[in-house]
C-alpha atoms as a PDB file:
ATOM      1  CA  MET A   1       0.778  27.162  11.720  1.00  0.00           C
ATOM      2  CA  PRO A   2       3.747  28.647   9.850  1.00  0.00           C
ATOM      3  CA  ASP A   3       4.753  26.993   6.596  1.00  0.00           C
ATOM      4  CA  GLU A   4       8.034  25.244   7.395  1.00  0.00           C
ATOM      5  CA  ARG A   5       8.676  23.888   3.930  1.00  0.00           C
ATOM      6  CA  ARG A   6      12.175  24.762   2.763  1.00  0.00           C
ATOM      7  CA  LEU A   7      11.320  26.424  -0.556  1.00  0.00           C
ATOM      8  CA  THR A   8       8.103  28.262   0.246  1.00  0.00           C
ATOM      9  CA  GLY A   9       7.822  31.402  -1.855  1.00  0.00           C
ATOM     10  CA  ARG A  10      10.549  30.375  -4.304  1.00  0.00           C
ATOM     11  CA  ARG A  11       9.963  30.477  -8.049  1.00  0.00           C
ATOM     12  CA  ALA A  12      11.888  27.672  -9.722  1.00  0.00           C
ATOM     13  CA  LEU A  13      12.685  26.815 -13.327  1.00  0.00           C
ATOM     14  CA  ILE A  14      13.498  23.121 -13.844  1.00  0.00           C
ATOM     15  CA  THR A  15      14.643  21.397 -17.032  1.00  0.00           C
ATOM     16  CA  GLY A  16      14.503  17.689 -17.775  1.00  0.00           C
ATOM     17  CA  ALA A  17      11.515  17.187 -15.480  1.00  0.00           C
ATOM     18  CA  SER A  18       9.522  14.864 -17.728  1.00  0.00           C
ATOM     19  CA  ARG A  19      11.149  11.644 -16.523  1.00  0.00           C
ATOM     20  CA  GLY A  20      13.610   9.959 -14.214  1.00  0.00           C
ATOM     21  CA  LEU A  21      15.858  12.126 -12.104  1.00  0.00           C
ATOM     22  CA  GLY A  22      14.411  15.422 -13.314  1.00  0.00           C
ATOM     23  CA  ARG A  23      10.878  14.313 -12.512  1.00  0.00           C
ATOM     24  CA  ALA A  24      11.905  13.387  -8.958  1.00  0.00           C
ATOM     25  CA  ILE A  25      13.646  16.746  -8.524  1.00  0.00           C
ATOM     26  CA  ALA A  26      10.578  18.639  -9.729  1.00  0.00           C
ATOM     27  CA  ALA A  27       8.336  16.693  -7.362  1.00  0.00           C
ATOM     28  CA  ALA A  28      10.632  17.399  -4.408  1.00  0.00           C
ATOM     29  CA  VAL A  29      10.933  21.103  -5.214  1.00  0.00           C
ATOM     30  CA  ARG A  30       7.154  21.431  -5.499  1.00  0.00           C
ATOM     31  CA  ALA A  31       6.639  19.473  -2.276  1.00  0.00           C
ATOM     32  CA  GLU A  32       8.886  21.953  -0.478  1.00  0.00           C
ATOM     33  CA  GLY A  33       6.628  24.839  -1.457  1.00  0.00           C
ATOM     34  CA  ALA A  34       8.135  26.299  -4.639  1.00  0.00           C
ATOM     35  CA  ALA A  35       6.136  27.402  -7.649  1.00  0.00           C
ATOM     36  CA  CYS A  36       7.693  25.657 -10.645  1.00  0.00           C
ATOM     37  CA  ALA A  37       8.069  26.152 -14.367  1.00  0.00           C
ATOM     38  CA  LEU A  38       9.019  22.933 -16.125  1.00  0.00           C
ATOM     39  CA  LEU A  39      10.951  23.496 -19.337  1.00  0.00           C
ATOM     40  CA  GLY A  40      11.019  20.740 -21.924  1.00  0.00           C
ATOM     41  CA  ARG A  41      10.534  19.888 -25.575  1.00  0.00           C
ATOM     42  CA  SER A  42       7.000  18.784 -24.817  1.00  0.00           C
ATOM     43  CA  ALA A  43       4.684  20.684 -22.515  1.00  0.00           C
ATOM     44  CA  ALA A  44       2.231  17.758 -22.469  1.00  0.00           C
ATOM     45  CA  ASP A  45       3.052  16.514 -18.957  1.00  0.00           C
ATOM     46  CA  PRO A  46       1.118  18.438 -16.280  1.00  0.00           C
ATOM     47  CA  PRO A  47       3.515  20.198 -13.911  1.00  0.00           C
ATOM     48  CA  GLY A  48       1.335  19.623 -10.846  1.00  0.00           C
ATOM     49  CA  ALA A  49      -0.067  22.067  -8.332  1.00  0.00           C
ATOM     50  CA  GLY A  50       1.567  25.480  -8.360  1.00  0.00           C
ATOM     51  CA  GLY A  51       3.350  24.842 -11.632  1.00  0.00           C
ATOM     52  CA  ILE A  52       3.397  25.703 -15.310  1.00  0.00           C
ATOM     53  CA  ALA A  53       4.944  24.125 -18.389  1.00  0.00           C
ATOM     54  CA  VAL A  54       6.991  25.956 -21.003  1.00  0.00           C
ATOM     55  CA  ARG A  55       8.226  24.433 -24.224  1.00  0.00           C
ATOM     56  CA  ALA A  56      11.771  24.563 -25.622  1.00  0.00           C
ATOM     57  CA  ASP A  57      14.597  22.309 -26.689  1.00  0.00           C
ATOM     58  CA  VAL A  58      17.491  23.182 -24.363  1.00  0.00           C
ATOM     59  CA  ALA A  59      19.866  22.894 -27.321  1.00  0.00           C
ATOM     60  CA  ASP A  60      18.084  25.817 -29.046  1.00  0.00           C
ATOM     61  CA  ALA A  61      19.446  29.077 -27.602  1.00  0.00           C
ATOM     62  CA  ALA A  62      16.681  31.287 -28.985  1.00  0.00           C
ATOM     63  CA  GLY A  63      13.972  28.897 -27.870  1.00  0.00           C
ATOM     64  CA  VAL A  64      15.438  28.696 -24.380  1.00  0.00           C
ATOM     65  CA  ALA A  65      15.622  32.484 -24.081  1.00  0.00           C
ATOM     66  CA  ALA A  66      11.939  32.806 -25.018  1.00  0.00           C
ATOM     67  CA  ALA A  67      10.877  29.993 -22.687  1.00  0.00           C
ATOM     68  CA  VAL A  68      12.804  31.378 -19.715  1.00  0.00           C
ATOM     69  CA  ALA A  69      11.308  34.822 -20.308  1.00  0.00           C
ATOM     70  CA  GLU A  70       7.831  33.268 -20.427  1.00  0.00           C
ATOM     71  CA  ALA A  71       8.466  31.308 -17.215  1.00  0.00           C
ATOM     72  CA  ALA A  72       9.692  34.392 -15.382  1.00  0.00           C
ATOM     73  CA  GLU A  73       6.702  36.414 -16.529  1.00  0.00           C
ATOM     74  CA  ARG A  74       4.159  33.772 -15.543  1.00  0.00           C
ATOM     75  CA  LEU A  75       5.767  33.060 -12.159  1.00  0.00           C
ATOM     76  CA  GLY A  76       6.432  36.701 -11.390  1.00  0.00           C
ATOM     77  CA  GLY A  77      10.198  36.239 -11.451  1.00  0.00           C
ATOM     78  CA  LEU A  78      12.778  33.537 -10.818  1.00  0.00           C
ATOM     79  CA  ASP A  79      14.964  32.796  -7.822  1.00  0.00           C
ATOM     80  CA  ALA A  80      15.840  29.125  -8.382  1.00  0.00           C
ATOM     81  CA  VAL A  81      17.055  27.187 -11.420  1.00  0.00           C
ATOM     82  CA  VAL A  82      17.723  23.466 -11.795  1.00  0.00           C
ATOM     83  CA  CYS A  83      19.261  22.152 -15.008  1.00  0.00           C
ATOM     84  CA  ALA A  84      18.572  18.425 -15.040  1.00  0.00           C
ATOM     85  CA  ALA A  85      18.106  17.846 -18.779  1.00  0.00           C
ATOM     86  CA  GLY A  86      20.738  15.504 -20.145  1.00  0.00           C
ATOM     87  CA  ILE A  87      21.408  12.699 -22.602  1.00  0.00           C
ATOM     88  CA  ASP A  88      24.058  10.064 -23.137  1.00  0.00           C
ATOM     89  CA  CYS A  89      25.368   8.865 -26.485  1.00  0.00           C
ATOM     90  CA  ARG A  90      26.180   5.502 -28.008  1.00  0.00           C
ATOM     91  CA  TRP A  91      29.391   4.348 -26.408  1.00  0.00           C
ATOM     92  CA  ALA A  92      32.551   4.051 -28.505  1.00  0.00           C
ATOM     93  CA  PRO A  93      36.293   4.696 -28.071  1.00  0.00           C
ATOM     94  CA  THR A  94      37.239   8.315 -28.678  1.00  0.00           C
ATOM     95  CA  GLY A  95      38.768   7.548 -32.068  1.00  0.00           C
ATOM     96  CA  GLU A  96      35.516   5.932 -33.195  1.00  0.00           C
ATOM     97  CA  MET A  97      33.019   8.369 -31.667  1.00  0.00           C
ATOM     98  CA  GLU A  98      30.653   9.715 -34.298  1.00  0.00           C
ATOM     99  CA  VAL A  99      30.847  13.498 -34.653  1.00  0.00           C
ATOM    100  CA  ALA A 100      27.055  13.705 -34.679  1.00  0.00           C
ATOM    101  CA  GLU A 101      26.924  11.850 -31.351  1.00  0.00           C
ATOM    102  CA  TRP A 102      29.474  14.241 -29.847  1.00  0.00           C
ATOM    103  CA  ASP A 103      27.684  17.317 -31.185  1.00  0.00           C
ATOM    104  CA  ARG A 104      24.240  16.343 -29.881  1.00  0.00           C
ATOM    105  CA  THR A 105      25.506  15.270 -26.448  1.00  0.00           C
ATOM    106  CA  VAL A 106      27.487  18.463 -25.920  1.00  0.00           C
ATOM    107  CA  ALA A 107      24.622  20.558 -27.330  1.00  0.00           C
ATOM    108  CA  VAL A 108      22.146  19.222 -24.757  1.00  0.00           C
ATOM    109  CA  ASN A 109      24.324  18.639 -21.703  1.00  0.00           C
ATOM    110  CA  LEU A 110      26.737  21.573 -21.821  1.00  0.00           C
ATOM    111  CA  SER A 111      25.401  24.170 -24.258  1.00  0.00           C
ATOM    112  CA  GLY A 112      21.854  23.594 -23.037  1.00  0.00           C
ATOM    113  CA  THR A 113      22.879  24.220 -19.445  1.00  0.00           C
ATOM    114  CA  PHE A 114      24.702  27.361 -20.528  1.00  0.00           C
ATOM    115  CA  TYR A 115      21.696  28.647 -22.494  1.00  0.00           C
ATOM    116  CA  VAL A 116      19.358  28.153 -19.538  1.00  0.00           C
ATOM    117  CA  CYS A 117      21.725  29.748 -17.015  1.00  0.00           C
ATOM    118  CA  ARG A 118      22.509  32.634 -19.365  1.00  0.00           C
ATOM    119  CA  ALA A 119      18.823  33.398 -19.876  1.00  0.00           C
ATOM    120  CA  ALA A 120      17.920  32.966 -16.194  1.00  0.00           C
ATOM    121  CA  LEU A 121      20.737  34.957 -14.589  1.00  0.00           C
ATOM    122  CA  PRO A 122      19.257  38.435 -15.245  1.00  0.00           C
ATOM    123  CA  HIS A 123      16.045  37.302 -13.555  1.00  0.00           C
ATOM    124  CA  LEU A 124      17.925  35.940 -10.534  1.00  0.00           C
ATOM    125  CA  VAL A 125      19.873  39.172 -10.210  1.00  0.00           C
ATOM    126  CA  ALA A 126      16.656  41.203 -10.537  1.00  0.00           C
ATOM    127  CA  ALA A 127      15.137  39.148  -7.719  1.00  0.00           C
ATOM    128  CA  GLY A 128      18.034  40.096  -5.458  1.00  0.00           C
ATOM    129  CA  GLY A 129      19.738  36.733  -5.751  1.00  0.00           C
ATOM    130  CA  GLY A 130      18.902  33.071  -5.988  1.00  0.00           C
ATOM    131  CA  ALA A 131      20.330  29.612  -6.479  1.00  0.00           C
ATOM    132  CA  ILE A 132      21.323  27.522  -9.479  1.00  0.00           C
ATOM    133  CA  VAL A 133      21.824  23.772  -9.237  1.00  0.00           C
ATOM    134  CA  ASN A 134      23.183  22.003 -12.307  1.00  0.00           C
ATOM    135  CA  VAL A 135      23.138  18.227 -12.509  1.00  0.00           C
ATOM    136  CA  THR A 136      26.480  16.882 -13.605  1.00  0.00           C
ATOM    137  CA  SER A 137      27.755  13.337 -12.967  1.00  0.00           C
ATOM    138  CA  VAL A 138      30.556  11.342 -11.442  1.00  0.00           C
ATOM    139  CA  ALA A 139      31.475  10.820 -15.114  1.00  0.00           C
ATOM    140  CA  GLY A 140      32.463  14.484 -15.174  1.00  0.00           C
ATOM    141  CA  LEU A 141      34.949  13.805 -12.378  1.00  0.00           C
ATOM    142  CA  ARG A 142      36.214  10.353 -13.317  1.00  0.00           C
ATOM    143  CA  ALA A 143      36.249   9.218 -16.934  1.00  0.00           C
ATOM    144  CA  TRP A 144      34.127   6.324 -18.092  1.00  0.00           C
ATOM    145  CA  PRO A 145      35.799   4.520 -21.006  1.00  0.00           C
ATOM    146  CA  GLU A 146      34.045   4.815 -24.363  1.00  0.00           C
ATOM    147  CA  ASP A 147      31.836   7.693 -23.170  1.00  0.00           C
ATOM    148  CA  VAL A 148      33.952  10.692 -24.107  1.00  0.00           C
ATOM    149  CA  ALA A 149      31.122  13.029 -25.136  1.00  0.00           C
ATOM    150  CA  TYR A 150      29.187  12.504 -21.922  1.00  0.00           C
ATOM    151  CA  ASN A 151      32.319  12.743 -19.759  1.00  0.00           C
ATOM    152  CA  ALA A 152      33.488  15.955 -21.388  1.00  0.00           C
ATOM    153  CA  SER A 153      30.068  17.597 -21.395  1.00  0.00           C
ATOM    154  CA  LYS A 154      29.521  16.909 -17.693  1.00  0.00           C
ATOM    155  CA  ALA A 155      33.004  18.113 -16.783  1.00  0.00           C
ATOM    156  CA  GLY A 156      32.211  21.290 -18.688  1.00  0.00           C
ATOM    157  CA  VAL A 157      29.013  21.776 -16.694  1.00  0.00           C
ATOM    158  CA  GLU A 158      31.034  21.759 -13.484  1.00  0.00           C
ATOM    159  CA  LEU A 159      33.417  24.493 -14.646  1.00  0.00           C
ATOM    160  CA  LEU A 160      30.541  26.498 -16.119  1.00  0.00           C
ATOM    161  CA  THR A 161      28.847  26.381 -12.724  1.00  0.00           C
ATOM    162  CA  ARG A 162      31.964  27.381 -10.818  1.00  0.00           C
ATOM    163  CA  THR A 163      32.453  30.316 -13.173  1.00  0.00           C
ATOM    164  CA  ILE A 164      28.913  31.529 -12.525  1.00  0.00           C
ATOM    165  CA  ALA A 165      29.513  31.231  -8.785  1.00  0.00           C
ATOM    166  CA  VAL A 166      32.613  33.426  -9.030  1.00  0.00           C
ATOM    167  CA  GLU A 167      31.020  35.977 -11.337  1.00  0.00           C
ATOM    168  CA  TYR A 168      27.656  36.388  -9.628  1.00  0.00           C
ATOM    169  CA  GLY A 169      28.268  35.706  -5.950  1.00  0.00           C
ATOM    170  CA  ALA A 170      28.431  39.412  -5.103  1.00  0.00           C
ATOM    171  CA  GLN A 171      24.953  39.781  -6.616  1.00  0.00           C
ATOM    172  CA  GLY A 172      23.508  37.130  -4.357  1.00  0.00           C
ATOM    173  CA  VAL A 173      23.482  34.257  -6.842  1.00  0.00           C
ATOM    174  CA  ARG A 174      24.800  30.898  -5.691  1.00  0.00           C
ATOM    175  CA  ALA A 175      25.668  28.175  -8.221  1.00  0.00           C
ATOM    176  CA  ASN A 176      26.426  24.551  -7.372  1.00  0.00           C
ATOM    177  CA  CYS A 177      26.407  21.122  -8.968  1.00  0.00           C
ATOM    178  CA  VAL A 178      25.044  17.785  -7.881  1.00  0.00           C
ATOM    179  CA  ALA A 179      27.040  14.820  -9.211  1.00  0.00           C
ATOM    180  CA  PRO A 180      25.015  11.607  -8.993  1.00  0.00           C
ATOM    181  CA  GLY A 181      26.586   8.194  -9.083  1.00  0.00           C
ATOM    182  CA  VAL A 182      24.656   5.522 -10.929  1.00  0.00           C
ATOM    183  CA  ILE A 183      21.004   6.203 -10.169  1.00  0.00           C
ATOM    184  CA  ASP A 184      18.280   3.592 -10.568  1.00  0.00           C
ATOM    185  CA  ALA A 185      16.181   5.821 -12.800  1.00  0.00           C
ATOM    186  CA  GLY A 186      16.228   7.427 -16.223  1.00  0.00           C
ATOM    187  CA  MET A 187      19.339   6.468 -18.180  1.00  0.00           C
ATOM    188  CA  THR A 188      19.801   3.152 -16.329  1.00  0.00           C
ATOM    189  CA  ASP A 189      16.280   1.921 -17.135  1.00  0.00           C
ATOM    190  CA  THR A 190      17.595   0.318 -20.326  1.00  0.00           C
ATOM    191  CA  VAL A 191      20.209  -1.733 -18.450  1.00  0.00           C
ATOM    192  CA  THR A 192      18.297  -4.936 -17.762  1.00  0.00           C
ATOM    193  CA  ASP A 193      21.109  -7.523 -17.868  1.00  0.00           C
ATOM    194  CA  PRO A 194      21.613  -8.743 -14.272  1.00  0.00           C
ATOM    195  CA  ALA A 195      25.388  -9.065 -14.687  1.00  0.00           C
ATOM    196  CA  ALA A 196      25.682  -5.506 -16.029  1.00  0.00           C
ATOM    197  CA  ARG A 197      23.585  -4.144 -13.174  1.00  0.00           C
ATOM    198  CA  ALA A 198      25.703  -6.081 -10.674  1.00  0.00           C
ATOM    199  CA  ARG A 199      28.841  -4.467 -12.093  1.00  0.00           C
ATOM    200  CA  MET A 200      27.282  -1.037 -11.636  1.00  0.00           C
ATOM    201  CA  VAL A 201      26.404  -1.851  -8.026  1.00  0.00           C
ATOM    202  CA  ASP A 202      29.933  -3.093  -7.340  1.00  0.00           C
ATOM    203  CA  GLN A 203      31.354   0.345  -8.188  1.00  0.00           C
ATOM    204  CA  HIS A 204      29.584   1.855  -5.174  1.00  0.00           C
ATOM    205  CA  PRO A 205      30.956   1.100  -1.686  1.00  0.00           C
ATOM    206  CA  LEU A 206      27.445   1.355  -0.207  1.00  0.00           C
ATOM    207  CA  GLY A 207      26.589  -1.711  -2.269  1.00  0.00           C
ATOM    208  CA  ARG A 208      23.578  -0.395  -4.156  1.00  0.00           C
ATOM    209  CA  LEU A 209      22.488   2.095  -6.770  1.00  0.00           C
ATOM    210  CA  GLY A 210      21.159   5.475  -5.703  1.00  0.00           C
ATOM    211  CA  SER A 211      17.567   6.615  -5.955  1.00  0.00           C
ATOM    212  CA  ALA A 212      16.301   9.679  -7.753  1.00  0.00           C
ATOM    213  CA  GLU A 213      14.744  10.866  -4.507  1.00  0.00           C
ATOM    214  CA  GLU A 214      18.144  10.890  -2.795  1.00  0.00           C
ATOM    215  CA  VAL A 215      19.552  13.171  -5.488  1.00  0.00           C
ATOM    216  CA  ALA A 216      16.437  15.352  -5.306  1.00  0.00           C
ATOM    217  CA  GLU A 217      16.987  15.838  -1.578  1.00  0.00           C
ATOM    218  CA  ALA A 218      20.492  17.167  -2.265  1.00  0.00           C
ATOM    219  CA  VAL A 219      19.099  19.567  -4.873  1.00  0.00           C
ATOM    220  CA  VAL A 220      16.484  20.885  -2.444  1.00  0.00           C
ATOM    221  CA  TRP A 221      19.172  21.503   0.184  1.00  0.00           C
ATOM    222  CA  LEU A 222      21.334  23.421  -2.293  1.00  0.00           C
ATOM    223  CA  LEU A 223      18.362  25.572  -3.328  1.00  0.00           C
ATOM    224  CA  SER A 224      17.350  26.292   0.247  1.00  0.00           C
ATOM    225  CA  SER A 225      18.612  28.848   2.750  1.00  0.00           C
ATOM    226  CA  LYS A 226      20.182  25.981   4.710  1.00  0.00           C
ATOM    227  CA  SER A 227      23.047  26.058   2.169  1.00  0.00           C
ATOM    228  CA  ALA A 228      23.392  29.854   2.148  1.00  0.00           C
ATOM    229  CA  PHE A 229      27.206  29.744   2.473  1.00  0.00           C
ATOM    230  CA  THR A 230      27.680  27.050  -0.176  1.00  0.00           C
ATOM    231  CA  THR A 231      28.544  28.051  -3.735  1.00  0.00           C
ATOM    232  CA  GLY A 232      30.890  26.961  -6.491  1.00  0.00           C
ATOM    233  CA  THR A 233      31.020  23.388  -5.295  1.00  0.00           C
ATOM    234  CA  THR A 234      29.951  19.935  -6.473  1.00  0.00           C
ATOM    235  CA  LEU A 235      28.026  17.719  -4.097  1.00  0.00           C
ATOM    236  CA  ALA A 236      28.546  14.068  -4.999  1.00  0.00           C
ATOM    237  CA  VAL A 237      25.556  11.848  -4.272  1.00  0.00           C
ATOM    238  CA  ASP A 238      27.372   8.738  -5.340  1.00  0.00           C
ATOM    239  CA  GLY A 239      27.358   6.010  -2.708  1.00  0.00           C
ATOM    240  CA  GLY A 240      31.123   6.393  -2.375  1.00  0.00           C
ATOM    241  CA  PHE A 241      31.861   5.909  -6.096  1.00  0.00           C
ATOM    242  CA  LEU A 242      34.495   8.667  -6.089  1.00  0.00           C
ATOM    243  CA  ALA A 243      36.020   7.636  -2.782  1.00  0.00           C
END
């Protein structure tokens, strides 16, 4: 029988796949038939069937360039990229935000996404086109108080992605964002206070937090040929948070 998986034959590079949302995205992309290279600071986690691991800190431009080149060589090229690596900082009003906290958050979330896309774009163009999906956040579209570095970095990812879509569309490269609401994985694992979790739930008209698998499904759709006329946009998977 023909293979009807949506990403069969694709060669995908995924960052941030060691835990939480990124792990769910990597699992979904592999399940849909793609060969995957998982880029992270530690290559200790096995990438699963049809995958490889490459080591780099996304905030290190030279390291990213070498890791992307290695991934492309070992996979035989690239035609899909997912940037899911991200961090948050200690919350504080803008006037009290530590410069080191700002620098590290922007370095990982925004500069890291840029470094990966910059290194991967020549490979996508060489393959005749492909798809980039960058994970931003509803915090890049509506400000969370006392989280200026995260807000600004995620807003920057959206405009970076739109710029790539405009610049590379004629070469067959699509670039989109997924903006999760509050997802019950990864960064929210440390929120254990029932009242705090209830407040997070109350911000979503659907009355619950999202799952990592729901965000992963949106990423798979944006990577697949089913979204062939979609580029330069942000798909909110947010339970109505932005409504």
